[in-house]
Amino acid sequence: MKVKEILSDVQLVIAQIEVELNGELRTSPTLCALIPAEGIEQEKIIPLNTPDGRPIFMNYENVIKPLQ
């Protein structure tokens, strides 16, 4: 295993995430990566665990829109 890149501008935050599971609206504190805005792009929030607490890899396809 080797480190390819260190993303120094990424912050770890805990966000209260709301998700619909099996027809029920649930909220839970979720560990997320917060990537600051660059140019015309908005900041990105990427969850690092599932709503039931299982860890997941940081994946840019999982971006959640931040609060406006």
PDB file of N, CA and C in Angstrom:
ATOM      1  N   MET A   1       0.849  -1.166   0.000  1.00  0.00           N
ATOM      2  CA  MET A   1       0.000   0.000   0.000  1.00  0.00           C
ATOM      3  C   MET A   1       0.895   1.229   0.000  1.00  0.00           C
ATOM      4  N   LYS A   2       0.470   2.266  -0.732  1.00  0.00           N
ATOM      5  CA  LYS A   2       1.245   3.503  -0.745  1.00  0.00           C
ATOM      6  C   LYS A   2       0.328   4.707  -0.828  1.00  0.00           C
ATOM      7  N   VAL A   3       0.803   5.843  -0.331  1.00  0.00           N
ATOM      8  CA  VAL A   3       0.054   7.096  -0.389  1.00  0.00           C
ATOM      9  C   VAL A   3       0.351   7.737  -1.740  1.00  0.00           C
ATOM     10  N   LYS A   4      -0.691   8.011  -2.515  1.00  0.00           N
ATOM     11  CA  LYS A   4      -0.518   8.646  -3.818  1.00  0.00           C
ATOM     12  C   LYS A   4      -0.641  10.158  -3.744  1.00  0.00           C
ATOM     13  N   GLU A   5      -1.508  10.650  -2.835  1.00  0.00           N
ATOM     14  CA  GLU A   5      -1.750  12.090  -2.744  1.00  0.00           C
ATOM     15  C   GLU A   5      -2.362  12.406  -1.387  1.00  0.00           C
ATOM     16  N   ILE A   6      -2.015  13.540  -0.825  1.00  0.00           N
ATOM     17  CA  ILE A   6      -2.626  14.001   0.414  1.00  0.00           C
ATOM     18  C   ILE A   6      -3.488  15.206   0.077  1.00  0.00           C
ATOM     19  N   LEU A   7      -4.764  15.114   0.403  1.00  0.00           N
ATOM     20  CA  LEU A   7      -5.708  16.201   0.145  1.00  0.00           C
ATOM     21  C   LEU A   7      -5.738  17.105   1.364  1.00  0.00           C
ATOM     22  N   SER A   8      -4.891  18.119   1.388  1.00  0.00           N
ATOM     23  CA  SER A   8      -4.708  18.934   2.581  1.00  0.00           C
ATOM     24  C   SER A   8      -5.852  19.901   2.854  1.00  0.00           C
ATOM     25  N   ASP A   9      -6.659  20.215   1.849  1.00  0.00           N
ATOM     26  CA  ASP A   9      -7.735  21.178   2.062  1.00  0.00           C
ATOM     27  C   ASP A   9      -9.048  20.525   2.482  1.00  0.00           C
ATOM     28  N   VAL A  10      -9.087  19.217   2.654  1.00  0.00           N
ATOM     29  CA  VAL A  10     -10.303  18.498   3.041  1.00  0.00           C
ATOM     30  C   VAL A  10     -10.435  18.521   4.566  1.00  0.00           C
ATOM     31  N   GLN A  11     -11.656  18.802   5.046  1.00  0.00           N
ATOM     32  CA  GLN A  11     -11.939  18.791   6.481  1.00  0.00           C
ATOM     33  C   GLN A  11     -12.835  17.601   6.804  1.00  0.00           C
ATOM     34  N   LEU A  12     -12.635  17.020   7.975  1.00  0.00           N
ATOM     35  CA  LEU A  12     -13.559  16.008   8.464  1.00  0.00           C
ATOM     36  C   LEU A  12     -14.588  16.697   9.336  1.00  0.00           C
ATOM     37  N   VAL A  13     -15.864  16.446   9.056  1.00  0.00           N
ATOM     38  CA  VAL A  13     -16.957  17.055   9.812  1.00  0.00           C
ATOM     39  C   VAL A  13     -17.989  15.983  10.137  1.00  0.00           C
ATOM     40  N   ILE A  14     -18.814  16.271  11.124  1.00  0.00           N
ATOM     41  CA  ILE A  14     -19.954  15.403  11.418  1.00  0.00           C
ATOM     42  C   ILE A  14     -21.195  16.203  11.034  1.00  0.00           C
ATOM     43  N   ALA A  15     -21.951  15.677  10.069  1.00  0.00           N
ATOM     44  CA  ALA A  15     -23.143  16.350   9.570  1.00  0.00           C
ATOM     45  C   ALA A  15     -24.377  15.543   9.949  1.00  0.00           C
ATOM     46  N   GLN A  16     -25.453  16.240  10.266  1.00  0.00           N
ATOM     47  CA  GLN A  16     -26.732  15.585  10.530  1.00  0.00           C
ATOM     48  C   GLN A  16     -27.368  15.332   9.163  1.00  0.00           C
ATOM     49  N   ILE A  17     -27.375  14.079   8.718  1.00  0.00           N
ATOM     50  CA  ILE A  17     -27.852  13.706   7.391  1.00  0.00           C
ATOM     51  C   ILE A  17     -29.267  13.145   7.494  1.00  0.00           C
ATOM     52  N   GLU A  18     -30.114  13.546   6.561  1.00  0.00           N
ATOM     53  CA  GLU A  18     -31.492  13.049   6.498  1.00  0.00           C
ATOM     54  C   GLU A  18     -31.606  12.154   5.265  1.00  0.00           C
ATOM     55  N   VAL A  19     -32.148  10.961   5.440  1.00  0.00           N
ATOM     56  CA  VAL A  19     -32.260   9.999   4.340  1.00  0.00           C
ATOM     57  C   VAL A  19     -33.559   9.208   4.482  1.00  0.00           C
ATOM     58  N   GLU A  20     -34.117   8.804   3.351  1.00  0.00           N
ATOM     59  CA  GLU A  20     -35.315   7.977   3.381  1.00  0.00           C
ATOM     60  C   GLU A  20     -34.903   6.516   3.250  1.00  0.00           C
ATOM     61  N   LEU A  21     -35.252   5.705   4.249  1.00  0.00           N
ATOM     62  CA  LEU A  21     -34.954   4.279   4.251  1.00  0.00           C
ATOM     63  C   LEU A  21     -36.250   3.501   4.444  1.00  0.00           C
ATOM     64  N   ASN A  22     -36.555   2.632   3.503  1.00  0.00           N
ATOM     65  CA  ASN A  22     -37.765   1.801   3.585  1.00  0.00           C
ATOM     66  C   ASN A  22     -39.017   2.627   3.843  1.00  0.00           C
ATOM     67  N   GLY A  23     -39.121   3.772   3.173  1.00  0.00           N
ATOM     68  CA  GLY A  23     -40.299   4.614   3.307  1.00  0.00           C
ATOM     69  C   GLY A  23     -40.328   5.498   4.537  1.00  0.00           C
ATOM     70  N   GLU A  24     -39.311   5.416   5.400  1.00  0.00           N
ATOM     71  CA  GLU A  24     -39.236   6.243   6.602  1.00  0.00           C
ATOM     72  C   GLU A  24     -38.145   7.285   6.443  1.00  0.00           C
ATOM     73  N   LEU A  25     -38.424   8.497   6.898  1.00  0.00           N
ATOM     74  CA  LEU A  25     -37.426   9.558   6.890  1.00  0.00           C
ATOM     75  C   LEU A  25     -36.625   9.466   8.184  1.00  0.00           C
ATOM     76  N   ARG A  26     -35.317   9.279   8.048  1.00  0.00           N
ATOM     77  CA  ARG A  26     -34.443   9.130   9.223  1.00  0.00           C
ATOM     78  C   ARG A  26     -33.312  10.142   9.153  1.00  0.00           C
ATOM     79  N   THR A  27     -32.822  10.532  10.321  1.00  0.00           N
ATOM     80  CA  THR A  27     -31.650  11.401  10.405  1.00  0.00           C
ATOM     81  C   THR A  27     -30.617  10.725  11.293  1.00  0.00           C
ATOM     82  N   SER A  28     -29.364  11.000  10.996  1.00  0.00           N
ATOM     83  CA  SER A  28     -28.297  10.463  11.838  1.00  0.00           C
ATOM     84  C   SER A  28     -27.049  11.306  11.663  1.00  0.00           C
ATOM     85  N   PRO A  29     -26.230  11.417  12.717  1.00  0.00           N
ATOM     86  CA  PRO A  29     -24.948  12.092  12.573  1.00  0.00           C
ATOM     87  C   PRO A  29     -24.039  11.214  11.718  1.00  0.00           C
ATOM     88  N   THR A  30     -23.400  11.830  10.737  1.00  0.00           N
ATOM     89  CA  THR A  30     -22.607  11.083   9.758  1.00  0.00           C
ATOM     90  C   THR A  30     -21.250  11.742   9.586  1.00  0.00           C
ATOM     91  N   LEU A  31     -20.195  10.961   9.639  1.00  0.00           N
ATOM     92  CA  LEU A  31     -18.848  11.461   9.369  1.00  0.00           C
ATOM     93  C   LEU A  31     -18.745  11.766   7.879  1.00  0.00           C
ATOM     94  N   CYS A  32     -18.317  12.998   7.552  1.00  0.00           N
ATOM     95  CA  CYS A  32     -18.247  13.429   6.156  1.00  0.00           C
ATOM     96  C   CYS A  32     -16.924  14.132   5.872  1.00  0.00           C
ATOM     97  N   ALA A  33     -16.540  14.119   4.603  1.00  0.00           N
ATOM     98  CA  ALA A  33     -15.416  14.919   4.128  1.00  0.00           C
ATOM     99  C   ALA A  33     -16.003  16.178   3.508  1.00  0.00           C
ATOM    100  N   LEU A  34     -15.515  17.342   3.928  1.00  0.00           N
ATOM    101  CA  LEU A  34     -15.964  18.627   3.388  1.00  0.00           C
ATOM    102  C   LEU A  34     -14.838  19.171   2.518  1.00  0.00           C
ATOM    103  N   ILE A  35     -15.131  19.296   1.222  1.00  0.00           N
ATOM    104  CA  ILE A  35     -14.142  19.784   0.269  1.00  0.00           C
ATOM    105  C   ILE A  35     -14.547  21.201  -0.119  1.00  0.00           C
ATOM    106  N   PRO A  36     -13.669  22.193   0.138  1.00  0.00           N
ATOM    107  CA  PRO A  36     -14.043  23.588  -0.119  1.00  0.00           C
ATOM    108  C   PRO A  36     -14.296  23.861  -1.604  1.00  0.00           C
ATOM    109  N   ALA A  37     -15.038  24.951  -1.870  1.00  0.00           N
ATOM    110  CA  ALA A  37     -15.356  25.364  -3.233  1.00  0.00           C
ATOM    111  C   ALA A  37     -14.089  25.773  -3.976  1.00  0.00           C
ATOM    112  N   GLU A  38     -14.077  25.490  -5.273  1.00  0.00           N
ATOM    113  CA  GLU A  38     -12.964  25.908  -6.134  1.00  0.00           C
ATOM    114  C   GLU A  38     -13.546  26.591  -7.359  1.00  0.00           C
ATOM    115  N   GLY A  39     -13.147  27.821  -7.606  1.00  0.00           N
ATOM    116  CA  GLY A  39     -13.657  28.545  -8.768  1.00  0.00           C
ATOM    117  C   GLY A  39     -15.160  28.684  -8.707  1.00  0.00           C
ATOM    118  N   ILE A  40     -15.853  28.199  -9.737  1.00  0.00           N
ATOM    119  CA  ILE A  40     -17.311  28.307  -9.775  1.00  0.00           C
ATOM    120  C   ILE A  40     -18.002  27.100  -9.146  1.00  0.00           C
ATOM    121  N   GLU A  41     -17.239  26.073  -8.766  1.00  0.00           N
ATOM    122  CA  GLU A  41     -17.821  24.895  -8.132  1.00  0.00           C
ATOM    123  C   GLU A  41     -18.227  25.194  -6.695  1.00  0.00           C
ATOM    124  N   GLN A  42     -19.299  24.544  -6.225  1.00  0.00           N
ATOM    125  CA  GLN A  42     -19.713  24.663  -4.830  1.00  0.00           C
ATOM    126  C   GLN A  42     -18.880  23.718  -3.982  1.00  0.00           C
ATOM    127  N   GLU A  43     -18.920  23.936  -2.653  1.00  0.00           N
ATOM    128  CA  GLU A  43     -18.256  22.990  -1.770  1.00  0.00           C
ATOM    129  C   GLU A  43     -18.952  21.639  -1.880  1.00  0.00           C
ATOM    130  N   LYS A  44     -18.210  20.582  -1.581  1.00  0.00           N
ATOM    131  CA  LYS A  44     -18.741  19.235  -1.677  1.00  0.00           C
ATOM    132  C   LYS A  44     -18.742  18.588  -0.300  1.00  0.00           C
ATOM    133  N   ILE A  45     -19.786  17.846   0.007  1.00  0.00           N
ATOM    134  CA  ILE A  45     -19.871  17.080   1.236  1.00  0.00           C
ATOM    135  C   ILE A  45     -20.023  15.614   0.829  1.00  0.00           C
ATOM    136  N   ILE A  46     -19.085  14.783   1.266  1.00  0.00           N
ATOM    137  CA  ILE A  46     -19.096  13.369   0.895  1.00  0.00           C
ATOM    138  C   ILE A  46     -19.173  12.529   2.166  1.00  0.00           C
ATOM    139  N   PRO A  47     -20.235  11.738   2.330  1.00  0.00           N
ATOM    140  CA  PRO A  47     -20.354  10.897   3.528  1.00  0.00           C
ATOM    141  C   PRO A  47     -19.296   9.796   3.534  1.00  0.00           C
ATOM    142  N   LEU A  48     -18.790   9.485   4.739  1.00  0.00           N
ATOM    143  CA  LEU A  48     -17.771   8.454   4.908  1.00  0.00           C
ATOM    144  C   LEU A  48     -18.314   7.227   5.641  1.00  0.00           C
ATOM    145  N   ASN A  49     -19.601   7.247   5.973  1.00  0.00           N
ATOM    146  CA  ASN A  49     -20.248   6.056   6.511  1.00  0.00           C
ATOM    147  C   ASN A  49     -21.712   6.035   6.077  1.00  0.00           C
ATOM    148  N   THR A  50     -22.318   4.861   6.138  1.00  0.00           N
ATOM    149  CA  THR A  50     -23.712   4.692   5.755  1.00  0.00           C
ATOM    150  C   THR A  50     -24.615   5.173   6.888  1.00  0.00           C
ATOM    151  N   PRO A  51     -25.910   5.365   6.622  1.00  0.00           N
ATOM    152  CA  PRO A  51     -26.811   5.812   7.689  1.00  0.00           C
ATOM    153  C   PRO A  51     -26.849   4.875   8.902  1.00  0.00           C
ATOM    154  N   ASP A  52     -26.525   3.598   8.703  1.00  0.00           N
ATOM    155  CA  ASP A  52     -26.516   2.673   9.845  1.00  0.00           C
ATOM    156  C   ASP A  52     -25.131   2.544  10.474  1.00  0.00           C
ATOM    157  N   GLY A  53     -24.168   3.407  10.068  1.00  0.00           N
ATOM    158  CA  GLY A  53     -22.879   3.481  10.745  1.00  0.00           C
ATOM    159  C   GLY A  53     -21.737   2.700  10.124  1.00  0.00           C
ATOM    160  N   ARG A  54     -21.979   1.969   9.042  1.00  0.00           N
ATOM    161  CA  ARG A  54     -20.885   1.208   8.413  1.00  0.00           C
ATOM    162  C   ARG A  54     -19.990   2.139   7.600  1.00  0.00           C
ATOM    163  N   PRO A  55     -18.667   1.989   7.700  1.00  0.00           N
ATOM    164  CA  PRO A  55     -17.763   2.865   6.948  1.00  0.00           C
ATOM    165  C   PRO A  55     -17.818   2.575   5.451  1.00  0.00           C
ATOM    166  N   ILE A  56     -17.615   3.632   4.642  1.00  0.00           N
ATOM    167  CA  ILE A  56     -17.530   3.486   3.191  1.00  0.00           C
ATOM    168  C   ILE A  56     -16.353   4.311   2.693  1.00  0.00           C
ATOM    169  N   PHE A  57     -15.850   3.988   1.502  1.00  0.00           N
ATOM    170  CA  PHE A  57     -14.764   4.755   0.906  1.00  0.00           C
ATOM    171  C   PHE A  57     -15.279   6.104   0.437  1.00  0.00           C
ATOM    172  N   MET A  58     -14.409   7.116   0.509  1.00  0.00           N
ATOM    173  CA  MET A  58     -14.767   8.432  -0.012  1.00  0.00           C
ATOM    174  C   MET A  58     -14.903   8.313  -1.517  1.00  0.00           C
ATOM    175  N   ASN A  59     -16.083   8.641  -2.034  1.00  0.00           N
ATOM    176  CA  ASN A  59     -16.367   8.493  -3.451  1.00  0.00           C
ATOM    177  C   ASN A  59     -17.059   9.760  -3.936  1.00  0.00           C
ATOM    178  N   TYR A  60     -16.500  10.417  -4.950  1.00  0.00           N
ATOM    179  CA  TYR A  60     -17.063  11.673  -5.446  1.00  0.00           C
ATOM    180  C   TYR A  60     -18.469  11.489  -6.016  1.00  0.00           C
ATOM    181  N   GLU A  61     -18.866  10.273  -6.349  1.00  0.00           N
ATOM    182  CA  GLU A  61     -20.229  10.018  -6.835  1.00  0.00           C
ATOM    183  C   GLU A  61     -21.254  10.129  -5.707  1.00  0.00           C
ATOM    184  N   ASN A  62     -20.821  10.136  -4.448  1.00  0.00           N
ATOM    185  CA  ASN A  62     -21.723  10.211  -3.291  1.00  0.00           C
ATOM    186  C   ASN A  62     -21.892  11.628  -2.753  1.00  0.00           C
ATOM    187  N   VAL A  63     -21.530  12.645  -3.526  1.00  0.00           N
ATOM    188  CA  VAL A  63     -21.595  14.034  -3.066  1.00  0.00           C
ATOM    189  C   VAL A  63     -23.037  14.395  -2.694  1.00  0.00           C
ATOM    190  N   ILE A  64     -23.175  15.071  -1.551  1.00  0.00           N
ATOM    191  CA  ILE A  64     -24.457  15.588  -1.091  1.00  0.00           C
ATOM    192  C   ILE A  64     -24.432  17.090  -1.260  1.00  0.00           C
ATOM    193  N   LYS A  65     -25.528  17.670  -1.742  1.00  0.00           N
ATOM    194  CA  LYS A  65     -25.582  19.123  -1.905  1.00  0.00           C
ATOM    195  C   LYS A  65     -25.560  19.774  -0.523  1.00  0.00           C
ATOM    196  N   PRO A  66     -24.694  20.789  -0.328  1.00  0.00           N
ATOM    197  CA  PRO A  66     -24.641  21.486   0.971  1.00  0.00           C
ATOM    198  C   PRO A  66     -25.859  22.389   1.147  1.00  0.00           C
ATOM    199  N   LEU A  67     -26.074  22.813   2.381  1.00  0.00           N
ATOM    200  CA  LEU A  67     -27.144  23.770   2.667  1.00  0.00           C
ATOM    201  C   LEU A  67     -26.878  25.072   1.950  1.00  0.00           C
ATOM    202  N   GLN A  68     -27.906  25.731   1.516  1.00  0.00           N
ATOM    203  CA  GLN A  68     -27.757  27.008   0.804  1.00  0.00           C
ATOM    204  C   GLN A  68     -27.822  28.169   1.760  1.00  0.00           C
TER     205      GLN A  68
END
